[in-house]
Amino acid sequence: RPAIRKNTHSLLRKLFRWAVHRGDLDLSPIADMEAPKPVPARKRVLSPEEVACVWLAAGTLSYPWGPFVRILITTLQRREEVAAMCWSEVDVPGALWVLPSERAKNDEANDVPLSGLAARELKMLSPRPRGLVFSTTGHTPISGFSKAKRRLDAATLVTMKRRAFERGEDVEAVQMEPWRFHDLRRTGATNMQALGFPVEVTEAILNHVSG
């Protein structure tokens, strides 16, 4: 895939430069190789109907994936940050999740307000003083996102077709464009702007550092 080519070339370029600097190599074997073209920025935004179907489909998945997806939707935080969420970071009665700087992608701590939907999902998981919120081992954060995403996609398509049937629409015409977990952040930001929220508020919730 384009992103894999670009990332592999970047990594190898750094590795061989380091080897030349150490004196292990006289010249990088990819010194004259042209870098792959930058990957176009993703623009996928889920429609309101798609978000509703993902939400409902998540409800059919067992722990940890169902609640995990719903927390992604209701907080707009990054996949890895939600996956490693700790109960010690969460104040459910106070409706606040304090993401520490050492776990944030940009090294900036973030106070994430918890909506009623987010708080309800966390309450259903029986909050504890400490430990991981999403874990199958009790010691490590969840992984295996691709496999879980395939299950979610299948459940989402079933939900979309059911809702289309209830509306009297052509079920065979129902399909969903490919999407990634990260697209939920872009979708949330787009909808917040459409609702008239100041861009500063959106940036703060997404924990973006801007000028």
N, C-alpha and C. Protein backbone atom coordinates (compact mmCIF):
# COMPACT_ATOMS: atom_id res chain seq x y z
N ARG A 1 0.84 -1.19 0.00
CA ARG A 1 0.00 0.00 0.00
C ARG A 1 0.87 1.24 0.00
N PRO A 2 0.37 2.36 -0.50
CA PRO A 2 1.19 3.59 -0.59
C PRO A 2 1.81 3.99 0.73
N ALA A 3 1.05 3.92 1.81
CA ALA A 3 1.60 4.34 3.11
C ALA A 3 2.73 3.43 3.56
N ILE A 4 2.60 2.12 3.28
CA ILE A 4 3.64 1.17 3.66
C ILE A 4 4.93 1.46 2.89
N ARG A 5 4.81 1.74 1.60
CA ARG A 5 5.99 2.05 0.79
C ARG A 5 6.71 3.29 1.33
N LYS A 6 5.93 4.33 1.60
CA LYS A 6 6.50 5.58 2.08
C LYS A 6 7.18 5.39 3.43
N ASN A 7 6.52 4.72 4.35
CA ASN A 7 7.07 4.52 5.68
C ASN A 7 8.30 3.62 5.67
N THR A 8 8.29 2.59 4.81
CA THR A 8 9.43 1.69 4.72
C THR A 8 10.65 2.42 4.18
N HIS A 9 10.45 3.21 3.14
CA HIS A 9 11.56 3.98 2.57
C HIS A 9 12.13 4.95 3.60
N SER A 10 11.27 5.63 4.34
CA SER A 10 11.72 6.59 5.35
C SER A 10 12.53 5.90 6.44
N LEU A 11 12.07 4.74 6.87
CA LEU A 11 12.77 4.00 7.92
C LEU A 11 14.13 3.50 7.45
N LEU A 12 14.17 2.93 6.23
CA LEU A 12 15.43 2.43 5.70
C LEU A 12 16.43 3.57 5.46
N ARG A 13 15.94 4.72 5.02
CA ARG A 13 16.83 5.86 4.79
C ARG A 13 17.52 6.28 6.09
N LYS A 14 16.75 6.32 7.18
CA LYS A 14 17.33 6.67 8.47
C LYS A 14 18.31 5.60 8.95
N LEU A 15 17.95 4.34 8.74
CA LEU A 15 18.81 3.24 9.17
C LEU A 15 20.15 3.28 8.46
N PHE A 16 20.13 3.44 7.12
CA PHE A 16 21.37 3.43 6.36
C PHE A 16 22.21 4.68 6.62
N ARG A 17 21.56 5.82 6.86
CA ARG A 17 22.31 7.03 7.23
C ARG A 17 23.04 6.80 8.55
N TRP A 18 22.37 6.16 9.48
CA TRP A 18 22.99 5.84 10.77
C TRP A 18 24.17 4.90 10.59
N ALA A 19 24.01 3.92 9.71
CA ALA A 19 25.09 2.95 9.45
C ALA A 19 26.29 3.64 8.80
N VAL A 20 26.04 4.59 7.88
CA VAL A 20 27.13 5.33 7.25
C VAL A 20 27.84 6.20 8.29
N HIS A 21 27.05 6.84 9.16
CA HIS A 21 27.63 7.69 10.20
C HIS A 21 28.53 6.88 11.15
N ARG A 22 28.14 5.64 11.43
CA ARG A 22 28.94 4.77 12.31
C ARG A 22 30.17 4.22 11.60
N GLY A 23 30.18 4.29 10.28
CA GLY A 23 31.29 3.73 9.53
C GLY A 23 31.07 2.29 9.13
N ASP A 24 29.87 1.78 9.35
CA ASP A 24 29.56 0.40 8.95
C ASP A 24 29.40 0.27 7.44
N LEU A 25 28.97 1.37 6.81
CA LEU A 25 28.81 1.39 5.36
C LEU A 25 29.51 2.62 4.80
N ASP A 26 29.99 2.50 3.57
CA ASP A 26 30.58 3.66 2.90
C ASP A 26 29.51 4.53 2.26
N LEU A 27 28.44 3.88 1.83
CA LEU A 27 27.38 4.62 1.14
C LEU A 27 26.05 3.90 1.34
N SER A 28 25.01 4.68 1.52
CA SER A 28 23.68 4.08 1.67
C SER A 28 23.26 3.41 0.37
N PRO A 29 22.79 2.17 0.42
CA PRO A 29 22.36 1.50 -0.81
C PRO A 29 21.11 2.12 -1.44
N ILE A 30 20.44 3.01 -0.73
CA ILE A 30 19.27 3.66 -1.32
C ILE A 30 19.51 5.17 -1.46
N ALA A 31 20.78 5.56 -1.51
CA ALA A 31 21.12 6.99 -1.58
C ALA A 31 20.50 7.66 -2.80
N ASP A 32 20.47 6.97 -3.93
CA ASP A 32 19.95 7.57 -5.17
C ASP A 32 18.51 7.14 -5.47
N MET A 33 17.90 6.44 -4.52
CA MET A 33 16.52 5.98 -4.76
C MET A 33 15.54 7.13 -4.54
N GLU A 34 14.66 7.30 -5.47
CA GLU A 34 13.65 8.34 -5.34
C GLU A 34 12.61 7.94 -4.31
N ALA A 35 12.27 8.86 -3.43
CA ALA A 35 11.29 8.56 -2.38
C ALA A 35 9.89 8.40 -2.98
N PRO A 36 9.11 7.47 -2.46
CA PRO A 36 7.72 7.33 -2.94
C PRO A 36 6.94 8.62 -2.70
N LYS A 37 5.93 8.83 -3.49
CA LYS A 37 5.13 10.04 -3.35
C LYS A 37 4.40 10.05 -2.01
N PRO A 38 4.22 11.22 -1.42
CA PRO A 38 3.47 11.32 -0.16
C PRO A 38 2.06 10.77 -0.32
N VAL A 39 1.57 10.18 0.75
CA VAL A 39 0.23 9.62 0.71
C VAL A 39 -0.80 10.74 0.87
N PRO A 40 -1.80 10.81 -0.01
CA PRO A 40 -2.83 11.85 0.12
C PRO A 40 -3.52 11.77 1.48
N ALA A 41 -3.84 12.92 2.04
CA ALA A 41 -4.52 12.95 3.34
C ALA A 41 -5.91 12.32 3.21
N ARG A 42 -6.27 11.55 4.21
CA ARG A 42 -7.59 10.93 4.20
C ARG A 42 -8.67 11.98 4.46
N LYS A 43 -9.80 11.79 3.81
CA LYS A 43 -10.89 12.75 3.95
C LYS A 43 -12.21 12.06 4.31
N ARG A 44 -12.14 10.78 4.67
CA ARG A 44 -13.36 10.01 4.92
C ARG A 44 -14.09 10.54 6.14
N VAL A 45 -15.34 10.90 5.95
CA VAL A 45 -16.22 11.32 7.03
C VAL A 45 -17.47 10.45 6.98
N LEU A 46 -17.79 9.82 8.08
CA LEU A 46 -18.97 8.96 8.12
C LEU A 46 -20.24 9.82 8.17
N SER A 47 -21.27 9.37 7.50
CA SER A 47 -22.54 10.07 7.53
C SER A 47 -23.23 9.82 8.88
N PRO A 48 -24.22 10.63 9.23
CA PRO A 48 -24.95 10.38 10.47
C PRO A 48 -25.54 8.97 10.52
N GLU A 49 -26.06 8.48 9.40
CA GLU A 49 -26.61 7.14 9.37
C GLU A 49 -25.53 6.10 9.60
N GLU A 50 -24.36 6.31 9.03
CA GLU A 50 -23.26 5.37 9.24
C GLU A 50 -22.80 5.35 10.69
N VAL A 51 -22.71 6.53 11.30
CA VAL A 51 -22.32 6.59 12.71
C VAL A 51 -23.34 5.86 13.57
N ALA A 52 -24.62 6.08 13.28
CA ALA A 52 -25.68 5.41 14.05
C ALA A 52 -25.56 3.89 13.92
N CYS A 53 -25.27 3.42 12.72
CA CYS A 53 -25.17 1.98 12.49
C CYS A 53 -23.93 1.39 13.16
N VAL A 54 -22.82 2.13 13.13
CA VAL A 54 -21.61 1.67 13.82
C VAL A 54 -21.88 1.58 15.32
N TRP A 55 -22.58 2.57 15.85
CA TRP A 55 -22.91 2.59 17.28
C TRP A 55 -23.77 1.37 17.65
N LEU A 56 -24.79 1.13 16.86
CA LEU A 56 -25.68 -0.01 17.13
C LEU A 56 -24.95 -1.34 16.95
N ALA A 57 -24.12 -1.42 15.92
CA ALA A 57 -23.36 -2.65 15.67
C ALA A 57 -22.38 -2.92 16.81
N ALA A 58 -21.78 -1.86 17.35
CA ALA A 58 -20.85 -2.03 18.46
C ALA A 58 -21.56 -2.67 19.65
N GLY A 59 -22.85 -2.37 19.80
CA GLY A 59 -23.61 -2.95 20.90
C GLY A 59 -23.79 -4.44 20.79
N THR A 60 -23.56 -5.01 19.61
CA THR A 60 -23.67 -6.46 19.42
C THR A 60 -22.35 -7.17 19.68
N LEU A 61 -21.28 -6.41 19.83
CA LEU A 61 -19.97 -7.01 20.08
C LEU A 61 -19.74 -7.14 21.59
N SER A 62 -19.11 -8.21 21.97
CA SER A 62 -18.84 -8.43 23.39
C SER A 62 -17.69 -7.55 23.86
N TYR A 63 -17.51 -7.50 25.19
CA TYR A 63 -16.37 -6.79 25.77
C TYR A 63 -15.08 -7.44 25.27
N PRO A 64 -14.07 -6.66 24.97
CA PRO A 64 -13.94 -5.21 25.17
C PRO A 64 -14.31 -4.36 23.96
N TRP A 65 -14.59 -5.01 22.82
CA TRP A 65 -14.66 -4.24 21.57
C TRP A 65 -15.89 -3.36 21.44
N GLY A 66 -17.04 -3.83 21.90
CA GLY A 66 -18.22 -3.00 21.82
C GLY A 66 -18.07 -1.69 22.59
N PRO A 67 -17.76 -1.75 23.88
CA PRO A 67 -17.55 -0.52 24.65
C PRO A 67 -16.40 0.32 24.12
N PHE A 68 -15.35 -0.33 23.63
CA PHE A 68 -14.20 0.40 23.10
C PHE A 68 -14.60 1.28 21.93
N VAL A 69 -15.37 0.73 21.00
CA VAL A 69 -15.79 1.49 19.83
C VAL A 69 -16.68 2.66 20.25
N ARG A 70 -17.56 2.43 21.20
CA ARG A 70 -18.45 3.49 21.63
C ARG A 70 -17.70 4.61 22.37
N ILE A 71 -16.65 4.26 23.08
CA ILE A 71 -15.84 5.30 23.73
C ILE A 71 -15.06 6.08 22.68
N LEU A 72 -14.62 5.41 21.62
CA LEU A 72 -13.98 6.12 20.51
C LEU A 72 -14.93 7.18 19.94
N ILE A 73 -16.18 6.79 19.74
CA ILE A 73 -17.16 7.69 19.15
C ILE A 73 -17.48 8.86 20.08
N THR A 74 -17.62 8.58 21.36
CA THR A 74 -18.08 9.61 22.29
C THR A 74 -16.98 10.51 22.84
N THR A 75 -15.72 10.13 22.67
CA THR A 75 -14.62 10.98 23.16
C THR A 75 -13.78 11.58 22.05
N LEU A 76 -13.79 10.95 20.86
CA LEU A 76 -12.99 11.40 19.71
C LEU A 76 -11.49 11.35 19.98
N GLN A 77 -11.07 10.51 20.90
CA GLN A 77 -9.65 10.37 21.17
C GLN A 77 -9.03 9.30 20.29
N ARG A 78 -7.70 9.24 20.27
CA ARG A 78 -6.98 8.32 19.39
C ARG A 78 -7.15 6.87 19.84
N ARG A 79 -7.05 5.98 18.85
CA ARG A 79 -7.27 4.56 19.10
C ARG A 79 -6.38 4.01 20.22
N GLU A 80 -5.08 4.29 20.14
CA GLU A 80 -4.16 3.75 21.12
C GLU A 80 -4.38 4.36 22.50
N GLU A 81 -4.79 5.61 22.53
CA GLU A 81 -5.03 6.28 23.81
C GLU A 81 -6.24 5.69 24.53
N VAL A 82 -7.28 5.39 23.77
CA VAL A 82 -8.46 4.76 24.36
C VAL A 82 -8.17 3.31 24.74
N ALA A 83 -7.44 2.62 23.90
CA ALA A 83 -7.14 1.21 24.16
C ALA A 83 -6.39 1.02 25.47
N ALA A 84 -5.55 1.98 25.83
CA ALA A 84 -4.73 1.87 27.05
C ALA A 84 -5.31 2.69 28.20
N MET A 85 -6.57 3.08 28.10
CA MET A 85 -7.21 3.87 29.16
C MET A 85 -7.14 3.12 30.49
N CYS A 86 -6.79 3.85 31.54
CA CYS A 86 -6.71 3.27 32.89
C CYS A 86 -7.82 3.85 33.77
N TRP A 87 -8.33 3.03 34.66
CA TRP A 87 -9.38 3.51 35.55
C TRP A 87 -8.88 4.64 36.44
N SER A 88 -7.60 4.66 36.75
CA SER A 88 -7.06 5.72 37.59
C SER A 88 -7.11 7.08 36.91
N GLU A 89 -7.28 7.09 35.58
CA GLU A 89 -7.37 8.34 34.82
C GLU A 89 -8.80 8.87 34.72
N VAL A 90 -9.75 8.01 35.08
CA VAL A 90 -11.15 8.32 34.81
C VAL A 90 -11.91 8.67 36.08
N ASP A 91 -12.63 9.78 36.04
CA ASP A 91 -13.54 10.18 37.11
C ASP A 91 -14.94 10.14 36.53
N VAL A 92 -15.59 8.98 36.66
CA VAL A 92 -16.91 8.82 36.05
C VAL A 92 -17.95 9.76 36.68
N PRO A 93 -18.04 9.85 38.02
CA PRO A 93 -19.02 10.80 38.60
C PRO A 93 -18.74 12.24 38.19
N GLY A 94 -17.47 12.60 38.05
CA GLY A 94 -17.11 13.95 37.64
C GLY A 94 -17.11 14.15 36.15
N ALA A 95 -17.40 13.07 35.41
CA ALA A 95 -17.49 13.13 33.94
C ALA A 95 -16.21 13.68 33.31
N LEU A 96 -15.08 13.12 33.73
CA LEU A 96 -13.80 13.61 33.21
C LEU A 96 -12.80 12.47 33.09
N TRP A 97 -12.09 12.47 31.96
CA TRP A 97 -10.97 11.54 31.73
C TRP A 97 -9.73 12.39 31.53
N VAL A 98 -8.76 12.22 32.42
CA VAL A 98 -7.52 12.98 32.34
C VAL A 98 -6.47 12.11 31.66
N LEU A 99 -6.18 12.41 30.41
CA LEU A 99 -5.18 11.67 29.65
C LEU A 99 -3.80 12.24 29.98
N PRO A 100 -2.91 11.47 30.59
CA PRO A 100 -1.60 12.00 30.97
C PRO A 100 -0.70 12.23 29.75
N SER A 101 0.23 13.13 29.90
CA SER A 101 1.10 13.50 28.78
C SER A 101 1.91 12.32 28.27
N GLU A 102 2.32 11.43 29.16
CA GLU A 102 3.16 10.30 28.72
C GLU A 102 2.39 9.31 27.86
N ARG A 103 1.08 9.38 27.83
CA ARG A 103 0.31 8.49 26.99
C ARG A 103 -0.26 9.19 25.76
N ALA A 104 -0.14 10.50 25.71
CA ALA A 104 -0.68 11.24 24.57
C ALA A 104 0.31 11.22 23.41
N LYS A 105 -0.20 11.13 22.21
CA LYS A 105 0.65 11.06 21.02
C LYS A 105 1.53 12.29 20.89
N ASN A 106 0.99 13.47 21.25
CA ASN A 106 1.75 14.70 21.12
C ASN A 106 2.41 15.14 22.43
N ASP A 107 2.43 14.23 23.41
CA ASP A 107 3.06 14.51 24.71
C ASP A 107 2.38 15.65 25.47
N GLU A 108 1.13 15.93 25.12
CA GLU A 108 0.37 16.97 25.80
C GLU A 108 -0.79 16.33 26.56
N ALA A 109 -0.83 16.56 27.88
CA ALA A 109 -1.95 16.04 28.67
C ALA A 109 -3.25 16.63 28.17
N ASN A 110 -4.33 15.88 28.34
CA ASN A 110 -5.61 16.35 27.84
C ASN A 110 -6.73 15.99 28.80
N ASP A 111 -7.53 16.99 29.19
CA ASP A 111 -8.71 16.75 30.01
C ASP A 111 -9.88 16.50 29.06
N VAL A 112 -10.33 15.27 29.03
CA VAL A 112 -11.38 14.87 28.10
C VAL A 112 -12.72 14.83 28.82
N PRO A 113 -13.64 15.73 28.50
CA PRO A 113 -14.96 15.69 29.14
C PRO A 113 -15.74 14.46 28.67
N LEU A 114 -16.43 13.83 29.59
CA LEU A 114 -17.20 12.64 29.26
C LEU A 114 -18.68 13.01 29.13
N SER A 115 -19.23 12.78 27.95
CA SER A 115 -20.64 13.03 27.74
C SER A 115 -21.46 12.00 28.52
N GLY A 116 -22.77 12.20 28.54
CA GLY A 116 -23.63 11.24 29.22
C GLY A 116 -23.52 9.85 28.63
N LEU A 117 -23.38 9.78 27.29
CA LEU A 117 -23.23 8.48 26.63
C LEU A 117 -21.93 7.80 27.03
N ALA A 118 -20.83 8.58 27.06
CA ALA A 118 -19.53 8.01 27.44
C ALA A 118 -19.55 7.54 28.88
N ALA A 119 -20.11 8.36 29.78
CA ALA A 119 -20.17 8.00 31.20
C ALA A 119 -21.00 6.73 31.39
N ARG A 120 -22.09 6.61 30.63
CA ARG A 120 -22.93 5.42 30.77
C ARG A 120 -22.18 4.16 30.35
N GLU A 121 -21.43 4.25 29.26
CA GLU A 121 -20.65 3.09 28.80
C GLU A 121 -19.64 2.66 29.85
N LEU A 122 -18.99 3.64 30.47
CA LEU A 122 -17.98 3.32 31.48
C LEU A 122 -18.62 2.77 32.75
N LYS A 123 -19.79 3.29 33.14
CA LYS A 123 -20.48 2.78 34.32
C LYS A 123 -20.85 1.32 34.14
N MET A 124 -21.19 0.94 32.91
CA MET A 124 -21.58 -0.44 32.64
C MET A 124 -20.41 -1.40 32.76
N LEU A 125 -19.20 -0.85 32.78
CA LEU A 125 -17.99 -1.68 32.90
C LEU A 125 -17.54 -1.83 34.34
N SER A 126 -18.34 -1.33 35.28
CA SER A 126 -18.02 -1.42 36.71
C SER A 126 -16.66 -0.80 37.04
N PRO A 127 -16.60 0.53 37.13
CA PRO A 127 -15.34 1.23 37.40
C PRO A 127 -14.64 0.72 38.65
N ARG A 128 -13.30 0.72 38.58
CA ARG A 128 -12.47 0.27 39.69
C ARG A 128 -11.41 1.34 39.98
N PRO A 129 -10.76 1.27 41.12
CA PRO A 129 -9.75 2.28 41.46
C PRO A 129 -8.55 2.28 40.51
N ARG A 130 -8.22 1.11 39.98
CA ARG A 130 -7.04 1.03 39.11
C ARG A 130 -7.22 -0.11 38.11
N GLY A 131 -6.26 -0.22 37.21
CA GLY A 131 -6.32 -1.27 36.19
C GLY A 131 -6.75 -0.72 34.85
N LEU A 132 -6.58 -1.52 33.81
CA LEU A 132 -6.94 -1.14 32.46
C LEU A 132 -8.45 -1.25 32.24
N VAL A 133 -8.99 -0.28 31.53
CA VAL A 133 -10.42 -0.31 31.22
C VAL A 133 -10.71 -1.38 30.16
N PHE A 134 -9.83 -1.46 29.16
CA PHE A 134 -10.03 -2.41 28.06
C PHE A 134 -8.84 -3.37 28.01
N SER A 135 -9.07 -4.59 28.43
CA SER A 135 -7.99 -5.59 28.44
C SER A 135 -8.60 -6.98 28.46
N THR A 136 -7.95 -7.90 27.77
CA THR A 136 -8.39 -9.30 27.80
C THR A 136 -7.50 -10.13 28.71
N THR A 137 -6.38 -9.56 29.11
CA THR A 137 -5.44 -10.27 29.98
C THR A 137 -5.43 -9.71 31.40
N GLY A 138 -5.88 -8.45 31.54
CA GLY A 138 -5.81 -7.79 32.84
C GLY A 138 -4.50 -7.08 33.07
N HIS A 139 -3.55 -7.29 32.16
CA HIS A 139 -2.22 -6.70 32.33
C HIS A 139 -1.78 -5.85 31.14
N THR A 140 -2.34 -6.11 29.97
CA THR A 140 -1.93 -5.38 28.77
C THR A 140 -3.16 -4.82 28.06
N PRO A 141 -2.98 -3.69 27.35
CA PRO A 141 -4.11 -3.12 26.61
C PRO A 141 -4.54 -4.05 25.48
N ILE A 142 -5.73 -3.82 24.97
CA ILE A 142 -6.25 -4.64 23.89
C ILE A 142 -5.42 -4.44 22.62
N SER A 143 -5.42 -5.44 21.79
CA SER A 143 -4.75 -5.40 20.48
C SER A 143 -5.63 -6.19 19.51
N GLY A 144 -5.12 -6.41 18.31
CA GLY A 144 -5.92 -7.15 17.33
C GLY A 144 -7.02 -6.30 16.74
N PHE A 145 -6.69 -5.02 16.46
CA PHE A 145 -7.69 -4.08 15.97
C PHE A 145 -8.26 -4.48 14.61
N SER A 146 -7.42 -5.02 13.73
CA SER A 146 -7.88 -5.38 12.39
C SER A 146 -8.96 -6.46 12.43
N LYS A 147 -8.74 -7.48 13.25
CA LYS A 147 -9.72 -8.56 13.37
C LYS A 147 -11.02 -8.04 13.96
N ALA A 148 -10.91 -7.19 14.98
CA ALA A 148 -12.11 -6.63 15.60
C ALA A 148 -12.85 -5.72 14.62
N LYS A 149 -12.09 -4.98 13.82
CA LYS A 149 -12.71 -4.08 12.84
C LYS A 149 -13.50 -4.86 11.79
N ARG A 150 -12.99 -6.01 11.39
CA ARG A 150 -13.72 -6.83 10.42
C ARG A 150 -15.05 -7.31 11.00
N ARG A 151 -15.03 -7.69 12.26
CA ARG A 151 -16.27 -8.10 12.92
C ARG A 151 -17.24 -6.93 13.01
N LEU A 152 -16.72 -5.77 13.34
CA LEU A 152 -17.56 -4.57 13.44
C LEU A 152 -18.15 -4.21 12.08
N ASP A 153 -17.34 -4.29 11.03
CA ASP A 153 -17.83 -3.97 9.69
C ASP A 153 -18.96 -4.90 9.28
N ALA A 154 -18.81 -6.18 9.58
CA ALA A 154 -19.85 -7.15 9.23
C ALA A 154 -21.14 -6.84 9.98
N ALA A 155 -21.02 -6.55 11.27
CA ALA A 155 -22.20 -6.23 12.07
C ALA A 155 -22.83 -4.91 11.63
N THR A 156 -22.00 -3.96 11.22
CA THR A 156 -22.51 -2.67 10.76
C THR A 156 -23.31 -2.82 9.48
N LEU A 157 -22.81 -3.64 8.56
CA LEU A 157 -23.52 -3.84 7.30
C LEU A 157 -24.88 -4.50 7.54
N VAL A 158 -24.92 -5.46 8.45
CA VAL A 158 -26.20 -6.11 8.80
C VAL A 158 -27.17 -5.08 9.35
N THR A 159 -26.66 -4.20 10.21
CA THR A 159 -27.51 -3.15 10.80
C THR A 159 -28.01 -2.19 9.73
N MET A 160 -27.13 -1.79 8.82
CA MET A 160 -27.53 -0.87 7.75
C MET A 160 -28.62 -1.48 6.87
N LYS A 161 -28.48 -2.75 6.56
CA LYS A 161 -29.47 -3.41 5.71
C LYS A 161 -30.80 -3.55 6.44
N ARG A 162 -30.74 -3.85 7.73
CA ARG A 162 -31.98 -3.97 8.49
C ARG A 162 -32.73 -2.65 8.54
N ARG A 163 -31.99 -1.57 8.78
CA ARG A 163 -32.63 -0.25 8.84
C ARG A 163 -33.16 0.18 7.47
N ALA A 164 -32.44 -0.20 6.42
CA ALA A 164 -32.90 0.12 5.07
C ALA A 164 -34.19 -0.63 4.76
N PHE A 165 -34.25 -1.89 5.16
CA PHE A 165 -35.45 -2.70 4.95
C PHE A 165 -36.64 -2.10 5.69
N GLU A 166 -36.40 -1.63 6.92
CA GLU A 166 -37.48 -1.03 7.70
C GLU A 166 -37.98 0.26 7.07
N ARG A 167 -37.12 0.93 6.30
CA ARG A 167 -37.53 2.16 5.62
C ARG A 167 -38.11 1.88 4.24
N GLY A 168 -38.14 0.62 3.85
CA GLY A 168 -38.68 0.25 2.55
C GLY A 168 -37.71 0.50 1.41
N GLU A 169 -36.43 0.54 1.69
CA GLU A 169 -35.42 0.80 0.66
C GLU A 169 -34.85 -0.50 0.12
N ASP A 170 -34.11 -0.40 -0.97
CA ASP A 170 -33.50 -1.57 -1.61
C ASP A 170 -32.31 -2.04 -0.77
N VAL A 171 -32.48 -3.18 -0.15
CA VAL A 171 -31.44 -3.72 0.73
C VAL A 171 -30.17 -4.07 -0.05
N GLU A 172 -30.34 -4.55 -1.29
CA GLU A 172 -29.19 -4.97 -2.08
C GLU A 172 -28.29 -3.79 -2.46
N ALA A 173 -28.84 -2.59 -2.43
CA ALA A 173 -28.05 -1.41 -2.79
C ALA A 173 -27.25 -0.85 -1.61
N VAL A 174 -27.47 -1.42 -0.45
CA VAL A 174 -26.80 -0.91 0.75
C VAL A 174 -25.34 -1.35 0.77
N GLN A 175 -24.45 -0.42 0.96
CA GLN A 175 -23.02 -0.71 1.13
C GLN A 175 -22.39 0.41 1.94
N MET A 176 -21.21 0.15 2.44
CA MET A 176 -20.51 1.15 3.24
C MET A 176 -19.08 1.28 2.74
N GLU A 177 -18.67 2.49 2.48
CA GLU A 177 -17.29 2.72 2.04
C GLU A 177 -16.32 2.31 3.14
N PRO A 178 -15.14 1.84 2.76
CA PRO A 178 -14.14 1.48 3.78
C PRO A 178 -13.83 2.68 4.68
N TRP A 179 -13.61 2.40 5.94
CA TRP A 179 -13.28 3.45 6.89
C TRP A 179 -12.36 2.88 7.96
N ARG A 180 -11.72 3.77 8.68
CA ARG A 180 -10.81 3.38 9.76
C ARG A 180 -11.28 4.00 11.07
N PHE A 181 -10.77 3.45 12.17
CA PHE A 181 -11.14 4.00 13.48
C PHE A 181 -10.79 5.48 13.57
N HIS A 182 -9.66 5.86 12.95
CA HIS A 182 -9.23 7.26 13.04
C HIS A 182 -10.23 8.19 12.35
N ASP A 183 -11.00 7.67 11.40
CA ASP A 183 -11.98 8.49 10.71
C ASP A 183 -13.08 8.98 11.64
N LEU A 184 -13.26 8.31 12.77
CA LEU A 184 -14.27 8.76 13.73
C LEU A 184 -13.90 10.12 14.30
N ARG A 185 -12.59 10.39 14.46
CA ARG A 185 -12.14 11.70 14.96
C ARG A 185 -12.48 12.79 13.95
N ARG A 186 -12.18 12.51 12.68
CA ARG A 186 -12.48 13.49 11.64
C ARG A 186 -13.98 13.72 11.52
N THR A 187 -14.75 12.64 11.65
CA THR A 187 -16.20 12.75 11.58
C THR A 187 -16.73 13.62 12.72
N GLY A 188 -16.23 13.38 13.93
CA GLY A 188 -16.67 14.17 15.06
C GLY A 188 -16.32 15.64 14.90
N ALA A 189 -15.10 15.91 14.44
CA ALA A 189 -14.66 17.29 14.24
C ALA A 189 -15.51 17.98 13.18
N THR A 190 -15.80 17.27 12.10
CA THR A 190 -16.62 17.85 11.03
C THR A 190 -18.01 18.20 11.53
N ASN A 191 -18.60 17.30 12.31
CA ASN A 191 -19.95 17.55 12.83
C ASN A 191 -19.96 18.67 13.86
N MET A 192 -18.90 18.79 14.65
CA MET A 192 -18.83 19.89 15.62
C MET A 192 -18.77 21.23 14.90
N GLN A 193 -18.01 21.28 13.82
CA GLN A 193 -17.94 22.52 13.05
C GLN A 193 -19.29 22.84 12.42
N ALA A 194 -19.98 21.80 11.94
CA ALA A 194 -21.30 22.02 11.33
C ALA A 194 -22.31 22.52 12.35
N LEU A 195 -22.11 22.13 13.61
CA LEU A 195 -23.01 22.57 14.68
C LEU A 195 -22.65 23.95 15.22
N GLY A 196 -21.55 24.53 14.72
CA GLY A 196 -21.19 25.88 15.11
C GLY A 196 -20.24 25.99 16.28
N PHE A 197 -19.62 24.88 16.69
CA PHE A 197 -18.66 24.97 17.79
C PHE A 197 -17.41 25.72 17.31
N PRO A 198 -16.85 26.58 18.15
CA PRO A 198 -15.61 27.28 17.77
C PRO A 198 -14.50 26.28 17.48
N VAL A 199 -13.65 26.60 16.52
CA VAL A 199 -12.58 25.68 16.14
C VAL A 199 -11.65 25.41 17.32
N GLU A 200 -11.51 26.39 18.22
CA GLU A 200 -10.64 26.20 19.39
C GLU A 200 -11.17 25.07 20.29
N VAL A 201 -12.48 24.97 20.38
CA VAL A 201 -13.08 23.91 21.20
C VAL A 201 -12.82 22.55 20.56
N THR A 202 -13.03 22.48 19.25
CA THR A 202 -12.78 21.22 18.54
C THR A 202 -11.33 20.79 18.67
N GLU A 203 -10.41 21.74 18.48
CA GLU A 203 -8.99 21.42 18.59
C GLU A 203 -8.62 20.96 19.99
N ALA A 204 -9.23 21.56 21.00
CA ALA A 204 -8.94 21.19 22.38
C ALA A 204 -9.41 19.77 22.67
N ILE A 205 -10.59 19.42 22.19
CA ILE A 205 -11.11 18.07 22.41
C ILE A 205 -10.26 17.03 21.70
N LEU A 206 -9.81 17.36 20.48
CA LEU A 206 -8.97 16.42 19.73
C LEU A 206 -7.52 16.42 20.23
N ASN A 207 -7.20 17.33 21.13
CA ASN A 207 -5.85 17.48 21.66
C ASN A 207 -4.85 17.77 20.54
N HIS A 208 -5.24 18.68 19.66
CA HIS A 208 -4.35 19.17 18.61
C HIS A 208 -3.60 20.39 19.12
N VAL A 209 -2.33 20.46 18.80
CA VAL A 209 -1.54 21.63 19.14
C VAL A 209 -1.46 22.50 17.90
N SER A 210 -2.10 23.65 17.94
CA SER A 210 -2.12 24.53 16.78
C SER A 210 -1.66 25.91 17.17
N GLY A 211 -1.34 26.73 16.18
CA GLY A 211 -0.87 28.08 16.46
C GLY A 211 -2.04 29.00 16.68
